[in-house]
Amino acid sequence: MARINLLDWREELRQERNKEFWITFGLMVVLAALIFVLVHFVMQSRIDNQDKRINKLNTEIGVLKQQTKEIEKLKKEKEELIKRMNLITDLQRSRPEVVRMFDELVRVTPEGINLSTWQRIETTAGKNKILQHKLIFTGQGETNPRISEFMRKMDTSERLQTSSLKDVNKQTKGLPAQNFTLEAKQVIPGKATVEEGK
């Protein structure tokens, strides 16, 4: 019977299997590295896209904030313009009131009363801050009854209303007369009732 030595053949088979193992292991390492690099690039791409979107959103938010500031500024300008327009409208309405008040003053001033000065002061009254016009008259009356008549006529007037007689004293020089200071209110018919109803 012939003797066959199988040791060399087994050694070669073992070496070949060992070689295949390392080649497979190397291929798996390379494949794992490629997958890792691919996943890294995909994730980095997504992160970059998100960063771009966030930057775009931040830019849009900045633009909207700027527009909001401009809108607030425009609202303030609008409010100031409305206030000015209301003031101009009130002035336009009150222009004829001055003429009417002077006309009324001429009607209520009796003979024997000489007005030397008068002053108009604007005041606000009440919770609604209604604008009122306070009038201060100084002058001379021939007698006390003339001053009383002036006050009565003023009270019956629709545009003037007596508040109080502040000071009455005799004039020492010239013709006998009584110096007086009288406070009154200017009444604009219809305006008080409208403002009180607000």
C-alpha atoms as a PDB file:
ATOM      1  CA  MET A   1       0.000   0.000   0.000  1.00  0.00           C
ATOM      2  CA  ALA A   2       1.288   3.418  -0.993  1.00  0.00           C
ATOM      3  CA  ARG A   3       1.750   6.136   1.615  1.00  0.00           C
ATOM      4  CA  ILE A   4       0.426   9.640   0.780  1.00  0.00           C
ATOM      5  CA  ASN A   5       1.538  12.614   2.810  1.00  0.00           C
ATOM      6  CA  LEU A   6      -1.521  14.909   3.328  1.00  0.00           C
ATOM      7  CA  LEU A   7       0.196  17.383   5.678  1.00  0.00           C
ATOM      8  CA  ASP A   8       1.374  19.737   2.946  1.00  0.00           C
ATOM      9  CA  TRP A   9      -2.026  19.807   1.348  1.00  0.00           C
ATOM     10  CA  ARG A  10      -3.746  20.609   4.678  1.00  0.00           C
ATOM     11  CA  GLU A  11      -1.235  23.318   5.434  1.00  0.00           C
ATOM     12  CA  GLU A  12      -1.853  24.901   2.045  1.00  0.00           C
ATOM     13  CA  LEU A  13      -5.634  24.701   2.603  1.00  0.00           C
ATOM     14  CA  ARG A  14      -5.260  26.332   6.010  1.00  0.00           C
ATOM     15  CA  GLN A  15      -3.102  29.114   4.578  1.00  0.00           C
ATOM     16  CA  GLU A  16      -5.573  29.643   1.752  1.00  0.00           C
ATOM     17  CA  ARG A  17      -8.501  29.841   4.189  1.00  0.00           C
ATOM     18  CA  ASN A  18      -6.475  32.208   6.399  1.00  0.00           C
ATOM     19  CA  LYS A  19      -5.750  34.376   3.341  1.00  0.00           C
ATOM     20  CA  GLU A  20      -9.462  34.385   2.365  1.00  0.00           C
ATOM     21  CA  PHE A  21     -10.402  35.366   5.925  1.00  0.00           C
ATOM     22  CA  TRP A  22      -8.060  38.375   5.941  1.00  0.00           C
ATOM     23  CA  ILE A  23      -9.176  39.424   2.482  1.00  0.00           C
ATOM     24  CA  THR A  24     -12.833  39.183   3.580  1.00  0.00           C
ATOM     25  CA  PHE A  25     -12.005  41.033   6.807  1.00  0.00           C
ATOM     26  CA  GLY A  26     -10.216  43.766   4.840  1.00  0.00           C
ATOM     27  CA  LEU A  27     -13.136  44.065   2.433  1.00  0.00           C
ATOM     28  CA  MET A  28     -15.560  44.325   5.357  1.00  0.00           C
ATOM     29  CA  VAL A  29     -13.417  47.048   6.986  1.00  0.00           C
ATOM     30  CA  VAL A  30     -13.288  48.948   3.681  1.00  0.00           C
ATOM     31  CA  LEU A  31     -17.064  48.484   3.228  1.00  0.00           C
ATOM     32  CA  ALA A  32     -17.726  49.666   6.808  1.00  0.00           C
ATOM     33  CA  ALA A  33     -15.489  52.702   6.233  1.00  0.00           C
ATOM     34  CA  LEU A  34     -17.338  53.482   2.983  1.00  0.00           C
ATOM     35  CA  ILE A  35     -20.716  53.189   4.737  1.00  0.00           C
ATOM     36  CA  PHE A  36     -19.472  55.410   7.578  1.00  0.00           C
ATOM     37  CA  VAL A  37     -18.180  58.046   5.105  1.00  0.00           C
ATOM     38  CA  LEU A  38     -21.435  57.864   3.119  1.00  0.00           C
ATOM     39  CA  VAL A  39     -23.583  58.261   6.260  1.00  0.00           C
ATOM     40  CA  HIS A  40     -21.328  61.117   7.428  1.00  0.00           C
ATOM     41  CA  PHE A  41     -21.710  62.942   4.087  1.00  0.00           C
ATOM     42  CA  VAL A  42     -25.493  62.423   4.057  1.00  0.00           C
ATOM     43  CA  MET A  43     -25.868  63.686   7.640  1.00  0.00           C
ATOM     44  CA  GLN A  44     -23.514  66.611   7.005  1.00  0.00           C
ATOM     45  CA  SER A  45     -25.531  67.500   3.912  1.00  0.00           C
ATOM     46  CA  ARG A  46     -28.742  67.466   5.951  1.00  0.00           C
ATOM     47  CA  ILE A  47     -27.135  69.570   8.703  1.00  0.00           C
ATOM     48  CA  ASP A  48     -25.930  72.087   6.093  1.00  0.00           C
ATOM     49  CA  ASN A  49     -29.431  72.242   4.587  1.00  0.00           C
ATOM     50  CA  GLN A  50     -30.943  72.835   8.040  1.00  0.00           C
ATOM     51  CA  ASP A  51     -28.343  75.549   8.745  1.00  0.00           C
ATOM     52  CA  LYS A  52     -29.237  77.236   5.454  1.00  0.00           C
ATOM     53  CA  ARG A  53     -32.950  77.070   6.311  1.00  0.00           C
ATOM     54  CA  ILE A  54     -32.298  78.454   9.812  1.00  0.00           C
ATOM     55  CA  ASN A  55     -30.204  81.311   8.370  1.00  0.00           C
ATOM     56  CA  LYS A  56     -32.937  82.065   5.839  1.00  0.00           C
ATOM     57  CA  LEU A  57     -35.564  82.051   8.602  1.00  0.00           C
ATOM     58  CA  ASN A  58     -33.395  84.334  10.763  1.00  0.00           C
ATOM     59  CA  THR A  59     -33.048  86.722   7.814  1.00  0.00           C
ATOM     60  CA  GLU A  60     -36.831  86.674   7.260  1.00  0.00           C
ATOM     61  CA  ILE A  61     -37.425  87.243  10.978  1.00  0.00           C
ATOM     62  CA  GLY A  62     -35.047  90.233  10.872  1.00  0.00           C
ATOM     63  CA  VAL A  63     -36.940  91.662   7.877  1.00  0.00           C
ATOM     64  CA  LEU A  64     -40.283  91.133   9.664  1.00  0.00           C
ATOM     65  CA  LYS A  65     -38.951  92.816  12.826  1.00  0.00           C
ATOM     66  CA  GLN A  66     -37.823  95.785  10.740  1.00  0.00           C
ATOM     67  CA  GLN A  67     -41.236  95.936   9.066  1.00  0.00           C
ATOM     68  CA  THR A  68     -42.927  95.739  12.480  1.00  0.00           C
ATOM     69  CA  LYS A  69     -40.829  98.681  13.701  1.00  0.00           C
ATOM     70  CA  GLU A  70     -41.766 100.649  10.577  1.00  0.00           C
ATOM     71  CA  ILE A  71     -45.453  99.796  11.106  1.00  0.00           C
ATOM     72  CA  GLU A  72     -45.248 100.985  14.743  1.00  0.00           C
ATOM     73  CA  LYS A  73     -43.556 104.179  13.582  1.00  0.00           C
ATOM     74  CA  LEU A  74     -46.277 104.681  10.955  1.00  0.00           C
ATOM     75  CA  LYS A  75     -48.974 104.074  13.592  1.00  0.00           C
ATOM     76  CA  LYS A  76     -47.445 106.760  15.822  1.00  0.00           C
ATOM     77  CA  GLU A  77     -47.228 109.149  12.874  1.00  0.00           C
ATOM     78  CA  LYS A  78     -50.852 108.346  12.005  1.00  0.00           C
ATOM     79  CA  GLU A  79     -51.963 109.053  15.598  1.00  0.00           C
ATOM     80  CA  GLU A  80     -50.090 112.364  15.578  1.00  0.00           C
ATOM     81  CA  LEU A  81     -51.625 113.283  12.219  1.00  0.00           C
ATOM     82  CA  ILE A  82     -55.101 112.434  13.534  1.00  0.00           C
ATOM     83  CA  LYS A  83     -54.452 114.611  16.598  1.00  0.00           C
ATOM     84  CA  ARG A  84     -53.319 117.472  14.357  1.00  0.00           C
ATOM     85  CA  MET A  85     -56.329 117.021  12.077  1.00  0.00           C
ATOM     86  CA  ASN A  86     -58.658 117.047  15.109  1.00  0.00           C
ATOM     87  CA  LEU A  87     -56.944 120.172  16.413  1.00  0.00           C
ATOM     88  CA  ILE A  88     -57.280 121.880  13.031  1.00  0.00           C
ATOM     89  CA  THR A  89     -60.937 120.800  12.830  1.00  0.00           C
ATOM     90  CA  ASP A  90     -61.569 122.173  16.334  1.00  0.00           C
ATOM     91  CA  LEU A  91     -59.847 125.420  15.395  1.00  0.00           C
ATOM     92  CA  GLN A  92     -61.946 125.665  12.214  1.00  0.00           C
ATOM     93  CA  ARG A  93     -65.109 125.083  14.250  1.00  0.00           C
ATOM     94  CA  SER A  94     -64.101 127.542  16.969  1.00  0.00           C
ATOM     95  CA  ARG A  95     -63.261 130.370  14.563  1.00  0.00           C
ATOM     96  CA  PRO A  96     -66.859 131.535  14.215  1.00  0.00           C
ATOM     97  CA  GLU A  97     -67.376 130.973  17.970  1.00  0.00           C
ATOM     98  CA  VAL A  98     -65.035 133.857  18.793  1.00  0.00           C
ATOM     99  CA  VAL A  99     -67.076 136.193  16.575  1.00  0.00           C
ATOM    100  CA  ARG A 100     -70.343 134.914  18.076  1.00  0.00           C
ATOM    101  CA  MET A 101     -68.945 135.342  21.593  1.00  0.00           C
ATOM    102  CA  PHE A 102     -67.936 138.947  20.893  1.00  0.00           C
ATOM    103  CA  ASP A 103     -71.361 139.596  19.394  1.00  0.00           C
ATOM    104  CA  GLU A 104     -72.986 138.085  22.512  1.00  0.00           C
ATOM    105  CA  LEU A 105     -70.697 140.149  24.742  1.00  0.00           C
ATOM    106  CA  VAL A 106     -71.814 143.339  23.023  1.00  0.00           C
ATOM    107  CA  ARG A 107     -75.476 142.367  23.573  1.00  0.00           C
ATOM    108  CA  VAL A 108     -75.097 141.542  27.286  1.00  0.00           C
ATOM    109  CA  THR A 109     -72.990 144.569  28.216  1.00  0.00           C
ATOM    110  CA  PRO A 110     -75.382 147.272  29.480  1.00  0.00           C
ATOM    111  CA  GLU A 111     -74.811 151.009  29.327  1.00  0.00           C
ATOM    112  CA  GLY A 112     -72.618 152.213  32.130  1.00  0.00           C
ATOM    113  CA  ILE A 113     -70.229 149.220  31.958  1.00  0.00           C
ATOM    114  CA  ASN A 114     -66.806 149.709  30.380  1.00  0.00           C
ATOM    115  CA  LEU A 115     -64.673 146.617  29.932  1.00  0.00           C
ATOM    116  CA  SER A 116     -60.974 147.451  29.960  1.00  0.00           C
ATOM    117  CA  THR A 117     -59.442 143.953  29.593  1.00  0.00           C
ATOM    118  CA  TRP A 118     -60.520 140.392  29.248  1.00  0.00           C
ATOM    119  CA  GLN A 119     -58.534 137.196  29.273  1.00  0.00           C
ATOM    120  CA  ARG A 120     -59.406 133.685  28.063  1.00  0.00           C
ATOM    121  CA  ILE A 121     -57.848 130.688  29.861  1.00  0.00           C
ATOM    122  CA  GLU A 122     -58.328 127.075  28.743  1.00  0.00           C
ATOM    123  CA  THR A 123     -58.937 124.528  31.514  1.00  0.00           C
ATOM    124  CA  THR A 124     -60.005 120.890  31.649  1.00  0.00           C
ATOM    125  CA  ALA A 125     -62.714 119.598  33.951  1.00  0.00           C
ATOM    126  CA  GLY A 126     -64.211 116.274  34.949  1.00  0.00           C
ATOM    127  CA  LYS A 127     -63.162 112.689  34.320  1.00  0.00           C
ATOM    128  CA  ASN A 128     -63.518 113.097  30.560  1.00  0.00           C
ATOM    129  CA  LYS A 129     -61.123 116.097  30.613  1.00  0.00           C
ATOM    130  CA  ILE A 130     -63.618 118.352  28.843  1.00  0.00           C
ATOM    131  CA  LEU A 131     -61.960 121.527  27.592  1.00  0.00           C
ATOM    132  CA  GLN A 132     -63.501 124.673  29.058  1.00  0.00           C
ATOM    133  CA  HIS A 133     -62.783 128.322  28.392  1.00  0.00           C
ATOM    134  CA  LYS A 134     -62.606 130.535  31.459  1.00  0.00           C
ATOM    135  CA  LEU A 135     -62.996 134.272  30.845  1.00  0.00           C
ATOM    136  CA  ILE A 136     -61.756 136.984  33.202  1.00  0.00           C
ATOM    137  CA  PHE A 137     -63.187 140.472  32.629  1.00  0.00           C
ATOM    138  CA  THR A 138     -61.920 143.641  34.289  1.00  0.00           C
ATOM    139  CA  GLY A 139     -63.660 146.966  33.908  1.00  0.00           C
ATOM    140  CA  GLN A 140     -65.607 149.789  35.499  1.00  0.00           C
ATOM    141  CA  GLY A 141     -69.290 150.095  36.229  1.00  0.00           C
ATOM    142  CA  GLU A 142     -71.053 153.363  37.035  1.00  0.00           C
ATOM    143  CA  THR A 143     -72.919 151.706  39.921  1.00  0.00           C
ATOM    144  CA  ASN A 144     -73.261 148.323  41.614  1.00  0.00           C
ATOM    145  CA  PRO A 145     -76.709 147.753  40.034  1.00  0.00           C
ATOM    146  CA  ARG A 146     -75.107 148.147  36.583  1.00  0.00           C
ATOM    147  CA  ILE A 147     -72.585 145.424  37.442  1.00  0.00           C
ATOM    148  CA  SER A 148     -75.444 143.205  38.711  1.00  0.00           C
ATOM    149  CA  GLU A 149     -77.393 143.829  35.505  1.00  0.00           C
ATOM    150  CA  PHE A 150     -74.286 142.844  33.485  1.00  0.00           C
ATOM    151  CA  MET A 151     -74.052 139.596  35.445  1.00  0.00           C
ATOM    152  CA  ARG A 152     -77.799 138.830  35.015  1.00  0.00           C
ATOM    153  CA  LYS A 153     -77.661 139.434  31.269  1.00  0.00           C
ATOM    154  CA  MET A 154     -74.573 137.260  31.046  1.00  0.00           C
ATOM    155  CA  ASP A 155     -76.386 134.426  32.847  1.00  0.00           C
ATOM    156  CA  THR A 156     -79.311 134.625  30.385  1.00  0.00           C
ATOM    157  CA  SER A 157     -76.892 134.456  27.459  1.00  0.00           C
ATOM    158  CA  GLU A 158     -76.454 131.120  25.695  1.00  0.00           C
ATOM    159  CA  ARG A 159     -72.701 131.611  25.140  1.00  0.00           C
ATOM    160  CA  LEU A 160     -71.589 133.222  28.427  1.00  0.00           C
ATOM    161  CA  GLN A 161     -72.145 132.114  31.997  1.00  0.00           C
ATOM    162  CA  THR A 162     -71.096 133.993  35.126  1.00  0.00           C
ATOM    163  CA  SER A 163     -68.847 132.143  37.549  1.00  0.00           C
ATOM    164  CA  SER A 164     -68.099 134.696  40.237  1.00  0.00           C
ATOM    165  CA  LEU A 165     -67.520 138.354  40.917  1.00  0.00           C
ATOM    166  CA  LYS A 166     -63.986 138.437  42.289  1.00  0.00           C
ATOM    167  CA  ASP A 167     -63.284 142.040  43.174  1.00  0.00           C
ATOM    168  CA  VAL A 168     -65.333 145.246  43.434  1.00  0.00           C
ATOM    169  CA  ASN A 169     -63.915 148.530  44.751  1.00  0.00           C
ATOM    170  CA  LYS A 170     -64.504 152.220  44.244  1.00  0.00           C
ATOM    171  CA  GLN A 171     -62.425 154.149  41.787  1.00  0.00           C
ATOM    172  CA  THR A 172     -60.570 156.943  43.606  1.00  0.00           C
ATOM    173  CA  LYS A 173     -59.674 159.166  40.633  1.00  0.00           C
ATOM    174  CA  GLY A 174     -61.907 160.770  38.014  1.00  0.00           C
ATOM    175  CA  LEU A 175     -65.617 160.018  37.724  1.00  0.00           C
ATOM    176  CA  PRO A 176     -67.235 157.931  40.449  1.00  0.00           C
ATOM    177  CA  ALA A 177     -67.227 154.288  39.336  1.00  0.00           C
ATOM    178  CA  GLN A 178     -66.793 150.761  40.637  1.00  0.00           C
ATOM    179  CA  ASN A 179     -63.777 148.730  39.420  1.00  0.00           C
ATOM    180  CA  PHE A 180     -64.602 145.024  39.143  1.00  0.00           C
ATOM    181  CA  THR A 181     -63.110 141.686  38.148  1.00  0.00           C
ATOM    182  CA  LEU A 182     -65.576 139.091  36.918  1.00  0.00           C
ATOM    183  CA  GLU A 183     -64.975 135.440  36.075  1.00  0.00           C
ATOM    184  CA  ALA A 184     -67.192 133.743  33.496  1.00  0.00           C
ATOM    185  CA  LYS A 185     -67.301 130.639  31.319  1.00  0.00           C
ATOM    186  CA  GLN A 186     -67.596 130.522  27.573  1.00  0.00           C
ATOM    187  CA  VAL A 187     -70.322 128.042  26.615  1.00  0.00           C
ATOM    188  CA  ILE A 188     -70.456 126.519  23.128  1.00  0.00           C
ATOM    189  CA  PRO A 189     -74.085 125.434  22.559  1.00  0.00           C
ATOM    190  CA  GLY A 190     -74.413 121.713  21.797  1.00  0.00           C
ATOM    191  CA  LYS A 191     -70.737 120.915  22.454  1.00  0.00           C
ATOM    192  CA  ALA A 192     -71.018 120.249  26.181  1.00  0.00           C
ATOM    193  CA  THR A 193     -73.856 117.774  25.757  1.00  0.00           C
ATOM    194  CA  VAL A 194     -72.005 115.898  22.997  1.00  0.00           C
ATOM    195  CA  GLU A 195     -68.810 115.673  25.054  1.00  0.00           C
ATOM    196  CA  GLU A 196     -70.652 114.620  28.218  1.00  0.00           C
ATOM    197  CA  GLY A 197     -72.331 111.795  26.312  1.00  0.00           C
ATOM    198  CA  LYS A 198     -68.972 110.303  25.179  1.00  0.00           C
END
